[in-house]
Amino acid sequence: MEDSQPDSQEILLETPAQDVFIAPSISTPSILSGESYAYYSPIPLQISDDMSTECVLGVDEAGRGPVLGSMVYALLYLPLASHRSLLAETYHFDDSKVLTPTVRSNLMQALCTPDTLLHQSCGWATKVMSARDISAGMLKPVGSYNLNAQAMDATIELIKGVFARGVNVKEIYIDTIGSPQTYQAKLERIFPTTMITVAKKADSLYPCVSAASVCAKVTRDAALEVSYQAYIPSTFNIDREATVAVEGWGSGYPSDARCSSWLKQNVDPVFGWGPECRFSWGTAKDILEAKGGGAIVGWPVQDDVETMRLTDFFSTGYIEGDSTGDELATWFGRPVGEEVF
């Protein structure tokens, strides 16, 4: 599954900053091992001093379409009274896709710096959905766990985590997955006491969603950088090789020439790539098939195995001179015709 790909100008905005800020949401061991994980920031001072403070919360994602790297869901919450004044007017948050990589990184750093008003007012959380786990769900032989379902579950998990910490969330704004009406109706059943708005382009309409999109994008950018650094000891050449992700595999999108070139030049003949690659993406499949690498394995479907009869394992359509039949079926000799009797 690959969503519509960004054009060349959009790729520039999707590419990580050269010196991307490494936020507390980065768990290097989890990223390198291909594990998905969640991170929750401490509750900010303006809310922890009075847990009855009414808050607004926004949710957005980054990295839905790339073949390399994780997809990250993020939320950000703050006192309802300072929603627009702090995020839109003071810090000028906007959809992360229209902010430059450097601006995104600087905003995230401000959010994580204790003496800033942003840090004192806003709490945030991320769910890093690894490429390995995304593909494992989508490639299940029975009951495929598609990307929309994985995204929905990540959103619900993050919001539940904030409620579990005692935050008084009164309003929630979310950038839609598919039909806004269907998505909103499901969330309203799960969080019936909260006003929920699911909308297209919510990251451009609601500052808390814009801020969440920055948290998601910078976390993904930093995770890409961590993954790329793992390759440097084995591939680094001071004269030729790139030392940061932006110079190596770029944005991670299939339409990014840096990404497609890196995939073709670094494919392992047996394993393909590491846990940073989404093997369920057509780009990865095509390169593997073109290289002729990797053994094709046909796993039995569990339901089929459970309904098979014992004799099914021994039956064969024997043809004289054919040596491709079932070995067990001919263990005690080959069948003979009635004429021998």
C-alpha atoms as a PDB file:
ATOM      1  CA  MET A   1       0.000   0.000   0.000  1.00  0.00           C
ATOM      2  CA  GLU A   2       1.398   3.374  -0.990  1.00  0.00           C
ATOM      3  CA  ASP A   3      -0.528   6.634  -0.760  1.00  0.00           C
ATOM      4  CA  SER A   4      -0.127   9.382  -3.351  1.00  0.00           C
ATOM      5  CA  GLN A   5       3.500  10.456  -3.475  1.00  0.00           C
ATOM      6  CA  PRO A   6       4.824  14.010  -2.968  1.00  0.00           C
ATOM      7  CA  ASP A   7       6.253  15.984  -5.871  1.00  0.00           C
ATOM      8  CA  SER A   8       9.804  17.359  -5.913  1.00  0.00           C
ATOM      9  CA  GLN A   9       8.924  20.531  -4.002  1.00  0.00           C
ATOM     10  CA  GLU A  10       7.007  18.584  -1.357  1.00  0.00           C
ATOM     11  CA  ILE A  11       9.910  16.144  -1.011  1.00  0.00           C
ATOM     12  CA  LEU A  12      12.143  19.051   0.029  1.00  0.00           C
ATOM     13  CA  LEU A  13       9.706  19.854   2.846  1.00  0.00           C
ATOM     14  CA  GLU A  14       9.382  16.170   3.811  1.00  0.00           C
ATOM     15  CA  THR A  15      13.158  15.698   4.040  1.00  0.00           C
ATOM     16  CA  PRO A  16      14.620  15.825   7.575  1.00  0.00           C
ATOM     17  CA  ALA A  17      16.727  18.779   8.650  1.00  0.00           C
ATOM     18  CA  GLN A  18      20.483  18.204   8.508  1.00  0.00           C
ATOM     19  CA  ASP A  19      20.715  18.647  12.290  1.00  0.00           C
ATOM     20  CA  VAL A  20      17.216  17.517  13.281  1.00  0.00           C
ATOM     21  CA  PHE A  21      16.411  17.864  16.972  1.00  0.00           C
ATOM     22  CA  ILE A  22      16.449  14.500  18.765  1.00  0.00           C
ATOM     23  CA  ALA A  23      13.370  14.738  20.967  1.00  0.00           C
ATOM     24  CA  PRO A  24      12.731  12.694  24.143  1.00  0.00           C
ATOM     25  CA  SER A  25      10.276  10.644  22.076  1.00  0.00           C
ATOM     26  CA  ILE A  26      13.231   8.897  20.394  1.00  0.00           C
ATOM     27  CA  SER A  27      14.064   5.447  21.784  1.00  0.00           C
ATOM     28  CA  THR A  28      17.143   4.311  19.891  1.00  0.00           C
ATOM     29  CA  PRO A  29      17.022   0.645  21.026  1.00  0.00           C
ATOM     30  CA  SER A  30      13.361   0.331  19.990  1.00  0.00           C
ATOM     31  CA  ILE A  31      13.934   1.988  16.616  1.00  0.00           C
ATOM     32  CA  LEU A  32      16.956  -0.153  15.754  1.00  0.00           C
ATOM     33  CA  SER A  33      15.174  -3.362  16.765  1.00  0.00           C
ATOM     34  CA  GLY A  34      12.034  -2.499  14.789  1.00  0.00           C
ATOM     35  CA  GLU A  35       9.726  -2.221  17.808  1.00  0.00           C
ATOM     36  CA  SER A  36       6.730   0.096  17.992  1.00  0.00           C
ATOM     37  CA  TYR A  37       6.409   2.125  21.182  1.00  0.00           C
ATOM     38  CA  ALA A  38       4.625   5.083  22.795  1.00  0.00           C
ATOM     39  CA  TYR A  39       6.022   8.105  24.610  1.00  0.00           C
ATOM     40  CA  TYR A  40       4.182  10.562  26.911  1.00  0.00           C
ATOM     41  CA  SER A  41       5.707  13.842  28.039  1.00  0.00           C
ATOM     42  CA  PRO A  42       5.306  14.950  31.660  1.00  0.00           C
ATOM     43  CA  ILE A  43       2.089  16.870  32.327  1.00  0.00           C
ATOM     44  CA  PRO A  44       2.982  20.578  31.901  1.00  0.00           C
ATOM     45  CA  LEU A  45       3.138  22.873  34.909  1.00  0.00           C
ATOM     46  CA  GLN A  46       0.116  24.990  33.946  1.00  0.00           C
ATOM     47  CA  ILE A  47      -2.035  21.853  33.994  1.00  0.00           C
ATOM     48  CA  SER A  48      -0.423  19.836  36.795  1.00  0.00           C
ATOM     49  CA  ASP A  49      -0.900  22.752  39.208  1.00  0.00           C
ATOM     50  CA  ASP A  50      -4.661  22.451  38.662  1.00  0.00           C
ATOM     51  CA  MET A  51      -5.753  19.150  37.102  1.00  0.00           C
ATOM     52  CA  SER A  52      -9.298  20.483  36.662  1.00  0.00           C
ATOM     53  CA  THR A  53      -8.005  22.852  33.928  1.00  0.00           C
ATOM     54  CA  GLU A  54     -10.077  22.344  30.779  1.00  0.00           C
ATOM     55  CA  CYS A  55      -7.862  21.291  27.873  1.00  0.00           C
ATOM     56  CA  VAL A  56      -7.985  20.982  24.108  1.00  0.00           C
ATOM     57  CA  LEU A  57      -6.184  18.144  22.323  1.00  0.00           C
ATOM     58  CA  GLY A  58      -5.121  17.673  18.692  1.00  0.00           C
ATOM     59  CA  VAL A  59      -3.979  14.533  16.845  1.00  0.00           C
ATOM     60  CA  ASP A  60      -2.077  14.127  13.575  1.00  0.00           C
ATOM     61  CA  GLU A  61       0.374  11.773  11.878  1.00  0.00           C
ATOM     62  CA  ALA A  62       3.536  11.820   9.784  1.00  0.00           C
ATOM     63  CA  GLY A  63       4.975   9.223   7.448  1.00  0.00           C
ATOM     64  CA  ARG A  64       1.951   7.445   6.053  1.00  0.00           C
ATOM     65  CA  GLY A  65       3.314   7.033   2.513  1.00  0.00           C
ATOM     66  CA  PRO A  66       7.104   6.399   2.768  1.00  0.00           C
ATOM     67  CA  VAL A  67       8.691   3.016   2.103  1.00  0.00           C
ATOM     68  CA  LEU A  68      11.402   3.749   4.680  1.00  0.00           C
ATOM     69  CA  GLY A  69      10.895   4.613   8.318  1.00  0.00           C
ATOM     70  CA  SER A  70       8.131   4.596  10.863  1.00  0.00           C
ATOM     71  CA  MET A  71       4.711   6.189  10.757  1.00  0.00           C
ATOM     72  CA  VAL A  72       4.286   8.412  13.810  1.00  0.00           C
ATOM     73  CA  TYR A  73       1.028   9.467  15.438  1.00  0.00           C
ATOM     74  CA  ALA A  74       1.220  12.380  17.841  1.00  0.00           C
ATOM     75  CA  LEU A  75      -1.077  14.414  20.036  1.00  0.00           C
ATOM     76  CA  LEU A  76      -0.622  17.711  21.817  1.00  0.00           C
ATOM     77  CA  TYR A  77      -2.810  19.173  24.551  1.00  0.00           C
ATOM     78  CA  LEU A  78      -2.876  22.497  26.419  1.00  0.00           C
ATOM     79  CA  PRO A  79      -5.316  24.709  28.373  1.00  0.00           C
ATOM     80  CA  LEU A  80      -8.324  25.531  26.227  1.00  0.00           C
ATOM     81  CA  ALA A  81      -8.039  29.225  27.076  1.00  0.00           C
ATOM     82  CA  SER A  82      -4.610  29.583  25.425  1.00  0.00           C
ATOM     83  CA  HIS A  83      -5.218  27.361  22.386  1.00  0.00           C
ATOM     84  CA  ARG A  84      -5.004  29.881  19.541  1.00  0.00           C
ATOM     85  CA  SER A  85      -3.144  32.675  21.285  1.00  0.00           C
ATOM     86  CA  LEU A  86      -0.180  30.513  22.246  1.00  0.00           C
ATOM     87  CA  LEU A  87       0.095  28.128  19.297  1.00  0.00           C
ATOM     88  CA  ALA A  88      -1.029  30.247  16.346  1.00  0.00           C
ATOM     89  CA  GLU A  89      -0.221  33.792  17.416  1.00  0.00           C
ATOM     90  CA  THR A  90       2.876  33.409  19.614  1.00  0.00           C
ATOM     91  CA  TYR A  91       4.616  30.393  18.056  1.00  0.00           C
ATOM     92  CA  HIS A  92       3.040  30.393  14.572  1.00  0.00           C
ATOM     93  CA  PHE A  93       2.390  26.658  14.321  1.00  0.00           C
ATOM     94  CA  ASP A  94       1.069  25.466  10.980  1.00  0.00           C
ATOM     95  CA  ASP A  95       0.701  22.182   9.133  1.00  0.00           C
ATOM     96  CA  SER A  96       4.141  20.556   9.356  1.00  0.00           C
ATOM     97  CA  LYS A  97       4.116  19.926   5.595  1.00  0.00           C
ATOM     98  CA  VAL A  98       4.287  23.681   4.879  1.00  0.00           C
ATOM     99  CA  LEU A  99       6.897  24.480   7.528  1.00  0.00           C
ATOM    100  CA  THR A 100      10.549  24.082   6.596  1.00  0.00           C
ATOM    101  CA  PRO A 101      12.448  21.206   8.253  1.00  0.00           C
ATOM    102  CA  THR A 102      14.507  23.695  10.279  1.00  0.00           C
ATOM    103  CA  VAL A 103      11.432  25.555  11.566  1.00  0.00           C
ATOM    104  CA  ARG A 104       9.787  22.263  12.559  1.00  0.00           C
ATOM    105  CA  SER A 105      12.900  21.166  14.417  1.00  0.00           C
ATOM    106  CA  ASN A 106      13.201  24.509  16.237  1.00  0.00           C
ATOM    107  CA  LEU A 107       9.546  24.426  17.319  1.00  0.00           C
ATOM    108  CA  MET A 108       9.985  20.915  18.696  1.00  0.00           C
ATOM    109  CA  GLN A 109      13.083  21.998  20.569  1.00  0.00           C
ATOM    110  CA  ALA A 110      11.159  24.905  22.100  1.00  0.00           C
ATOM    111  CA  LEU A 111       8.429  22.487  23.191  1.00  0.00           C
ATOM    112  CA  CYS A 112      11.055  20.397  24.989  1.00  0.00           C
ATOM    113  CA  THR A 113      12.958  23.289  26.605  1.00  0.00           C
ATOM    114  CA  PRO A 114      11.853  23.799  30.250  1.00  0.00           C
ATOM    115  CA  ASP A 115      12.055  27.604  30.432  1.00  0.00           C
ATOM    116  CA  THR A 116       9.719  28.225  27.465  1.00  0.00           C
ATOM    117  CA  LEU A 117       6.026  29.047  27.730  1.00  0.00           C
ATOM    118  CA  LEU A 118       5.381  26.262  25.226  1.00  0.00           C
ATOM    119  CA  HIS A 119       6.941  23.667  27.539  1.00  0.00           C
ATOM    120  CA  GLN A 120       5.105  25.008  30.583  1.00  0.00           C
ATOM    121  CA  SER A 121       1.706  24.937  28.806  1.00  0.00           C
ATOM    122  CA  CYS A 122       1.723  21.903  26.491  1.00  0.00           C
ATOM    123  CA  GLY A 123       1.838  18.173  26.981  1.00  0.00           C
ATOM    124  CA  TRP A 124       2.368  15.792  24.083  1.00  0.00           C
ATOM    125  CA  ALA A 125       2.666  12.124  23.199  1.00  0.00           C
ATOM    126  CA  THR A 126       3.751  10.000  20.253  1.00  0.00           C
ATOM    127  CA  LYS A 127       3.172   6.487  18.983  1.00  0.00           C
ATOM    128  CA  VAL A 128       6.047   5.324  16.788  1.00  0.00           C
ATOM    129  CA  MET A 129       4.667   2.603  14.506  1.00  0.00           C
ATOM    130  CA  SER A 130       7.655   0.749  13.127  1.00  0.00           C
ATOM    131  CA  ALA A 131       7.972  -0.183   9.463  1.00  0.00           C
ATOM    132  CA  ARG A 132       8.392  -3.800  10.538  1.00  0.00           C
ATOM    133  CA  ASP A 133       5.132  -3.873  12.496  1.00  0.00           C
ATOM    134  CA  ILE A 134       3.201  -1.988   9.814  1.00  0.00           C
ATOM    135  CA  SER A 135       4.224  -4.534   7.189  1.00  0.00           C
ATOM    136  CA  ALA A 136       3.687  -7.523   9.487  1.00  0.00           C
ATOM    137  CA  GLY A 137       0.098  -6.417  10.019  1.00  0.00           C
ATOM    138  CA  MET A 138      -0.574  -5.754   6.349  1.00  0.00           C
ATOM    139  CA  LEU A 139       1.015  -9.027   5.183  1.00  0.00           C
ATOM    140  CA  LYS A 140      -0.854 -11.312   7.589  1.00  0.00           C
ATOM    141  CA  PRO A 141      -2.129 -14.341   5.613  1.00  0.00           C
ATOM    142  CA  VAL A 142      -5.534 -14.146   7.331  1.00  0.00           C
ATOM    143  CA  GLY A 143      -7.307 -10.999   8.513  1.00  0.00           C
ATOM    144  CA  SER A 144      -4.957  -8.327   7.176  1.00  0.00           C
ATOM    145  CA  TYR A 145      -4.417  -5.472   9.652  1.00  0.00           C
ATOM    146  CA  ASN A 146      -4.581  -2.553   7.229  1.00  0.00           C
ATOM    147  CA  LEU A 147      -2.966   0.832   7.686  1.00  0.00           C
ATOM    148  CA  ASN A 148      -6.218   2.631   8.496  1.00  0.00           C
ATOM    149  CA  ALA A 149      -7.002   0.176  11.292  1.00  0.00           C
ATOM    150  CA  GLN A 150      -3.478   0.495  12.684  1.00  0.00           C
ATOM    151  CA  ALA A 151      -3.752   4.289  12.582  1.00  0.00           C
ATOM    152  CA  MET A 152      -7.123   4.254  14.335  1.00  0.00           C
ATOM    153  CA  ASP A 153      -5.792   2.018  17.112  1.00  0.00           C
ATOM    154  CA  ALA A 154      -2.740   4.254  17.597  1.00  0.00           C
ATOM    155  CA  THR A 155      -4.969   7.334  17.917  1.00  0.00           C
ATOM    156  CA  ILE A 156      -7.240   5.684  20.471  1.00  0.00           C
ATOM    157  CA  GLU A 157      -4.272   4.385  22.472  1.00  0.00           C
ATOM    158  CA  LEU A 158      -2.709   7.853  22.727  1.00  0.00           C
ATOM    159  CA  ILE A 159      -5.930   9.600  23.753  1.00  0.00           C
ATOM    160  CA  LYS A 160      -6.701   6.939  26.360  1.00  0.00           C
ATOM    161  CA  GLY A 161      -3.193   7.416  27.737  1.00  0.00           C
ATOM    162  CA  VAL A 162      -3.807  11.132  28.294  1.00  0.00           C
ATOM    163  CA  PHE A 163      -7.149  10.518  30.006  1.00  0.00           C
ATOM    164  CA  ALA A 164      -5.493   7.851  32.180  1.00  0.00           C
ATOM    165  CA  ARG A 165      -3.058  10.523  33.413  1.00  0.00           C
ATOM    166  CA  GLY A 166      -5.983  12.598  34.700  1.00  0.00           C
ATOM    167  CA  VAL A 167      -5.934  15.379  32.101  1.00  0.00           C
ATOM    168  CA  ASN A 168      -9.328  17.109  31.775  1.00  0.00           C
ATOM    169  CA  VAL A 169      -9.710  17.029  27.981  1.00  0.00           C
ATOM    170  CA  LYS A 170     -12.882  18.779  26.817  1.00  0.00           C
ATOM    171  CA  GLU A 171     -12.276  19.126  23.064  1.00  0.00           C
ATOM    172  CA  ILE A 172     -10.453  16.869  20.589  1.00  0.00           C
ATOM    173  CA  TYR A 173      -9.553  17.728  16.989  1.00  0.00           C
ATOM    174  CA  ILE A 174      -8.213  15.103  14.586  1.00  0.00           C
ATOM    175  CA  ASP A 175      -7.046  15.046  10.985  1.00  0.00           C
ATOM    176  CA  THR A 176      -9.196  12.441   9.281  1.00  0.00           C
ATOM    177  CA  ILE A 177      -8.492   8.918   8.105  1.00  0.00           C
ATOM    178  CA  GLY A 178     -10.960   8.151   5.319  1.00  0.00           C
ATOM    179  CA  SER A 179     -14.511   9.345   5.981  1.00  0.00           C
ATOM    180  CA  PRO A 180     -14.578  12.021   8.724  1.00  0.00           C
ATOM    181  CA  GLN A 181     -18.146  11.085   9.719  1.00  0.00           C
ATOM    182  CA  THR A 182     -17.363   7.394  10.226  1.00  0.00           C
ATOM    183  CA  TYR A 183     -14.153   8.102  12.101  1.00  0.00           C
ATOM    184  CA  GLN A 184     -15.786  10.695  14.341  1.00  0.00           C
ATOM    185  CA  ALA A 185     -18.757   8.454  15.157  1.00  0.00           C
ATOM    186  CA  LYS A 186     -16.438   5.675  16.326  1.00  0.00           C
ATOM    187  CA  LEU A 187     -14.411   8.016  18.537  1.00  0.00           C
ATOM    188  CA  GLU A 188     -17.569   9.540  20.019  1.00  0.00           C
ATOM    189  CA  ARG A 189     -18.651   6.068  21.131  1.00  0.00           C
ATOM    190  CA  ILE A 190     -15.298   5.558  22.877  1.00  0.00           C
ATOM    191  CA  PHE A 191     -15.048   9.070  24.399  1.00  0.00           C
ATOM    192  CA  PRO A 192     -18.714  10.080  24.889  1.00  0.00           C
ATOM    193  CA  THR A 193     -18.102  12.982  27.306  1.00  0.00           C
ATOM    194  CA  THR A 194     -15.709  14.871  25.016  1.00  0.00           C
ATOM    195  CA  MET A 195     -16.506  17.106  22.061  1.00  0.00           C
ATOM    196  CA  ILE A 196     -14.760  15.520  19.062  1.00  0.00           C
ATOM    197  CA  THR A 197     -14.193  17.039  15.628  1.00  0.00           C
ATOM    198  CA  VAL A 198     -12.686  14.970  12.816  1.00  0.00           C
ATOM    199  CA  ALA A 199     -12.025  16.980   9.674  1.00  0.00           C
ATOM    200  CA  LYS A 200     -10.043  17.004   6.469  1.00  0.00           C
ATOM    201  CA  LYS A 201      -7.069  19.386   6.602  1.00  0.00           C
ATOM    202  CA  ALA A 202      -7.502  19.702  10.361  1.00  0.00           C
ATOM    203  CA  ASP A 203      -3.764  20.382  10.587  1.00  0.00           C
ATOM    204  CA  SER A 204      -4.422  23.677   8.771  1.00  0.00           C
ATOM    205  CA  LEU A 205      -7.595  24.560  10.685  1.00  0.00           C
ATOM    206  CA  TYR A 206      -6.845  23.858  14.343  1.00  0.00           C
ATOM    207  CA  PRO A 207      -3.566  24.991  15.980  1.00  0.00           C
ATOM    208  CA  CYS A 208      -3.432  22.014  18.355  1.00  0.00           C
ATOM    209  CA  VAL A 209      -3.498  19.659  15.342  1.00  0.00           C
ATOM    210  CA  SER A 210      -0.797  21.758  13.644  1.00  0.00           C
ATOM    211  CA  ALA A 211       1.362  21.399  16.749  1.00  0.00           C
ATOM    212  CA  ALA A 212       0.689  17.650  16.900  1.00  0.00           C
ATOM    213  CA  SER A 213       1.759  17.353  13.259  1.00  0.00           C
ATOM    214  CA  VAL A 214       5.090  19.004  14.132  1.00  0.00           C
ATOM    215  CA  CYS A 215       5.615  16.542  17.020  1.00  0.00           C
ATOM    216  CA  ALA A 216       4.883  13.648  14.669  1.00  0.00           C
ATOM    217  CA  LYS A 217       7.065  14.900  11.824  1.00  0.00           C
ATOM    218  CA  VAL A 218      10.126  15.781  13.908  1.00  0.00           C
ATOM    219  CA  THR A 219       9.910  12.449  15.751  1.00  0.00           C
ATOM    220  CA  ARG A 220       9.780  10.621  12.410  1.00  0.00           C
ATOM    221  CA  ASP A 221      12.672  12.695  11.037  1.00  0.00           C
ATOM    222  CA  ALA A 222      14.801  11.912  14.087  1.00  0.00           C
ATOM    223  CA  ALA A 223      13.876   8.213  13.935  1.00  0.00           C
ATOM    224  CA  LEU A 224      14.998   8.134  10.289  1.00  0.00           C
ATOM    225  CA  GLU A 225      18.313   9.665  11.324  1.00  0.00           C
ATOM    226  CA  VAL A 226      18.808   7.078  14.086  1.00  0.00           C
ATOM    227  CA  SER A 227      18.074   4.249  11.642  1.00  0.00           C
ATOM    228  CA  TYR A 228      20.482   5.639   9.050  1.00  0.00           C
ATOM    229  CA  GLN A 229      23.331   5.998  11.528  1.00  0.00           C
ATOM    230  CA  ALA A 230      23.242   2.215  12.051  1.00  0.00           C
ATOM    231  CA  TYR A 231      24.454   1.782   8.458  1.00  0.00           C
ATOM    232  CA  ILE A 232      27.399   4.145   8.658  1.00  0.00           C
ATOM    233  CA  PRO A 233      29.968   1.803  10.313  1.00  0.00           C
ATOM    234  CA  SER A 234      29.628  -0.706   7.469  1.00  0.00           C
ATOM    235  CA  THR A 235      29.145   1.688   4.525  1.00  0.00           C
ATOM    236  CA  PHE A 236      30.929   4.890   5.505  1.00  0.00           C
ATOM    237  CA  ASN A 237      33.654   6.103   3.176  1.00  0.00           C
ATOM    238  CA  ILE A 238      34.917   9.590   3.946  1.00  0.00           C
ATOM    239  CA  ASP A 239      35.203  10.441   0.250  1.00  0.00           C
ATOM    240  CA  ARG A 240      31.910   9.096  -1.006  1.00  0.00           C
ATOM    241  CA  GLU A 241      29.294   8.074   1.535  1.00  0.00           C
ATOM    242  CA  ALA A 242      26.638  10.308   3.088  1.00  0.00           C
ATOM    243  CA  THR A 243      26.851  10.628   6.854  1.00  0.00           C
ATOM    244  CA  VAL A 244      23.289  11.801   7.555  1.00  0.00           C
ATOM    245  CA  ALA A 245      19.928  10.483   6.375  1.00  0.00           C
ATOM    246  CA  VAL A 246      19.093  13.559   4.299  1.00  0.00           C
ATOM    247  CA  GLU A 247      22.151  12.863   2.135  1.00  0.00           C
ATOM    248  CA  GLY A 248      21.660   9.104   2.124  1.00  0.00           C
ATOM    249  CA  TRP A 249      18.082   7.888   1.698  1.00  0.00           C
ATOM    250  CA  GLY A 250      16.502  11.350   1.834  1.00  0.00           C
ATOM    251  CA  SER A 251      12.849  11.570   2.827  1.00  0.00           C
ATOM    252  CA  GLY A 252      12.122   7.845   2.619  1.00  0.00           C
ATOM    253  CA  TYR A 253       9.415   8.327  -0.025  1.00  0.00           C
ATOM    254  CA  PRO A 254       9.507   6.054  -3.106  1.00  0.00           C
ATOM    255  CA  SER A 255       9.301   9.115  -5.381  1.00  0.00           C
ATOM    256  CA  ASP A 256      12.484  10.528  -3.804  1.00  0.00           C
ATOM    257  CA  ALA A 257      15.403   9.565  -6.084  1.00  0.00           C
ATOM    258  CA  ARG A 258      17.734   9.348  -3.079  1.00  0.00           C
ATOM    259  CA  CYS A 259      15.456   6.793  -1.444  1.00  0.00           C
ATOM    260  CA  SER A 260      14.963   4.575  -4.505  1.00  0.00           C
ATOM    261  CA  SER A 261      18.698   4.668  -5.265  1.00  0.00           C
ATOM    262  CA  TRP A 262      19.592   3.723  -1.719  1.00  0.00           C
ATOM    263  CA  LEU A 263      17.158   0.798  -1.765  1.00  0.00           C
ATOM    264  CA  LYS A 264      18.590  -0.561  -5.025  1.00  0.00           C
ATOM    265  CA  GLN A 265      22.200  -0.178  -3.915  1.00  0.00           C
ATOM    266  CA  ASN A 266      21.752  -1.652  -0.445  1.00  0.00           C
ATOM    267  CA  VAL A 267      19.432  -4.606  -0.971  1.00  0.00           C
ATOM    268  CA  ASP A 268      20.642  -7.777   0.724  1.00  0.00           C
ATOM    269  CA  PRO A 269      20.267 -10.819  -1.558  1.00  0.00           C
ATOM    270  CA  VAL A 270      18.561 -12.824   1.207  1.00  0.00           C
ATOM    271  CA  PHE A 271      17.010 -10.429   3.715  1.00  0.00           C
ATOM    272  CA  GLY A 272      16.373  -7.353   1.586  1.00  0.00           C
ATOM    273  CA  TRP A 273      16.728  -4.548   4.134  1.00  0.00           C
ATOM    274  CA  GLY A 274      16.476  -3.971   7.852  1.00  0.00           C
ATOM    275  CA  PRO A 275      13.485  -3.128  10.088  1.00  0.00           C
ATOM    276  CA  GLU A 276      13.385   0.414   8.652  1.00  0.00           C
ATOM    277  CA  CYS A 277      11.820  -0.880   5.407  1.00  0.00           C
ATOM    278  CA  ARG A 278       8.119  -1.513   4.744  1.00  0.00           C
ATOM    279  CA  PHE A 279       8.216  -4.786   2.839  1.00  0.00           C
ATOM    280  CA  SER A 280       4.482  -4.534   2.133  1.00  0.00           C
ATOM    281  CA  TRP A 281       5.101  -1.525  -0.150  1.00  0.00           C
ATOM    282  CA  GLY A 282       5.177  -2.191  -3.898  1.00  0.00           C
ATOM    283  CA  THR A 283       8.519  -0.389  -4.236  1.00  0.00           C
ATOM    284  CA  ALA A 284      10.256  -2.896  -1.955  1.00  0.00           C
ATOM    285  CA  LYS A 285       8.574  -5.877  -3.614  1.00  0.00           C
ATOM    286  CA  ASP A 286       9.535  -4.708  -7.105  1.00  0.00           C
ATOM    287  CA  ILE A 287      13.192  -4.207  -6.192  1.00  0.00           C
ATOM    288  CA  LEU A 288      13.413  -7.620  -4.522  1.00  0.00           C
ATOM    289  CA  GLU A 289      11.878  -9.325  -7.531  1.00  0.00           C
ATOM    290  CA  ALA A 290      14.076  -7.408  -9.974  1.00  0.00           C
ATOM    291  CA  LYS A 291      17.212  -8.381  -8.039  1.00  0.00           C
ATOM    292  CA  GLY A 292      16.100 -12.017  -7.977  1.00  0.00           C
ATOM    293  CA  GLY A 293      16.918 -12.148  -4.303  1.00  0.00           C
ATOM    294  CA  GLY A 294      15.061 -13.771  -1.460  1.00  0.00           C
ATOM    295  CA  ALA A 295      13.368 -17.135  -1.392  1.00  0.00           C
ATOM    296  CA  ILE A 296       9.649 -17.178  -2.117  1.00  0.00           C
ATOM    297  CA  VAL A 297       7.869 -18.949   0.750  1.00  0.00           C
ATOM    298  CA  GLY A 298       4.271 -20.136   0.600  1.00  0.00           C
ATOM    299  CA  TRP A 299       3.007 -20.355   4.163  1.00  0.00           C
ATOM    300  CA  PRO A 300      -0.005 -22.640   4.765  1.00  0.00           C
ATOM    301  CA  VAL A 301      -3.200 -20.867   5.721  1.00  0.00           C
ATOM    302  CA  GLN A 302      -4.094 -21.903   9.255  1.00  0.00           C
ATOM    303  CA  ASP A 303      -7.739 -22.647   8.479  1.00  0.00           C
ATOM    304  CA  ASP A 304      -6.737 -24.913   5.598  1.00  0.00           C
ATOM    305  CA  VAL A 305      -4.377 -26.935   7.788  1.00  0.00           C
ATOM    306  CA  GLU A 306      -7.035 -27.455  10.429  1.00  0.00           C
ATOM    307  CA  THR A 307      -9.587 -28.786   7.934  1.00  0.00           C
ATOM    308  CA  MET A 308      -7.281 -31.114   6.007  1.00  0.00           C
ATOM    309  CA  ARG A 309      -7.723 -34.879   6.360  1.00  0.00           C
ATOM    310  CA  LEU A 310      -4.814 -37.134   7.248  1.00  0.00           C
ATOM    311  CA  THR A 311      -5.128 -38.870   3.872  1.00  0.00           C
ATOM    312  CA  ASP A 312      -4.632 -35.527   2.097  1.00  0.00           C
ATOM    313  CA  PHE A 313      -0.980 -35.683   3.054  1.00  0.00           C
ATOM    314  CA  PHE A 314      -0.574 -39.086   1.351  1.00  0.00           C
ATOM    315  CA  SER A 315      -2.682 -38.742  -1.787  1.00  0.00           C
ATOM    316  CA  THR A 316      -0.966 -38.135  -5.121  1.00  0.00           C
ATOM    317  CA  GLY A 317      -1.748 -38.214  -8.763  1.00  0.00           C
ATOM    318  CA  TYR A 318       1.072 -40.548  -9.839  1.00  0.00           C
ATOM    319  CA  ILE A 319       2.235 -40.382 -13.413  1.00  0.00           C
ATOM    320  CA  GLU A 320       4.713 -42.933 -14.779  1.00  0.00           C
ATOM    321  CA  GLY A 321       8.133 -41.366 -15.028  1.00  0.00           C
ATOM    322  CA  ASP A 322       7.147 -38.346 -12.924  1.00  0.00           C
ATOM    323  CA  SER A 323       9.513 -37.896  -9.989  1.00  0.00           C
ATOM    324  CA  THR A 324       7.810 -34.771  -8.640  1.00  0.00           C
ATOM    325  CA  GLY A 325       5.087 -36.527  -6.664  1.00  0.00           C
ATOM    326  CA  ASP A 326       4.692 -36.556  -2.905  1.00  0.00           C
ATOM    327  CA  GLU A 327       7.588 -38.500  -1.381  1.00  0.00           C
ATOM    328  CA  LEU A 328       5.434 -39.824   1.485  1.00  0.00           C
ATOM    329  CA  ALA A 329       2.867 -41.191  -0.942  1.00  0.00           C
ATOM    330  CA  THR A 330       5.501 -43.401  -2.600  1.00  0.00           C
ATOM    331  CA  TRP A 331       7.382 -44.319   0.563  1.00  0.00           C
ATOM    332  CA  PHE A 332       6.247 -47.963   0.392  1.00  0.00           C
ATOM    333  CA  GLY A 333       6.481 -48.257  -3.369  1.00  0.00           C
ATOM    334  CA  ARG A 334       4.666 -47.031  -6.440  1.00  0.00           C
ATOM    335  CA  PRO A 335       1.041 -47.959  -7.233  1.00  0.00           C
ATOM    336  CA  VAL A 336       0.455 -50.691  -9.801  1.00  0.00           C
ATOM    337  CA  GLY A 337      -2.429 -51.397 -12.166  1.00  0.00           C
ATOM    338  CA  GLU A 338      -4.980 -54.231 -11.971  1.00  0.00           C
ATOM    339  CA  GLU A 339      -3.257 -56.089 -14.820  1.00  0.00           C
ATOM    340  CA  VAL A 340      -0.518 -57.422 -12.553  1.00  0.00           C
ATOM    341  CA  PHE A 341      -3.124 -59.492 -10.727  1.00  0.00           C
END
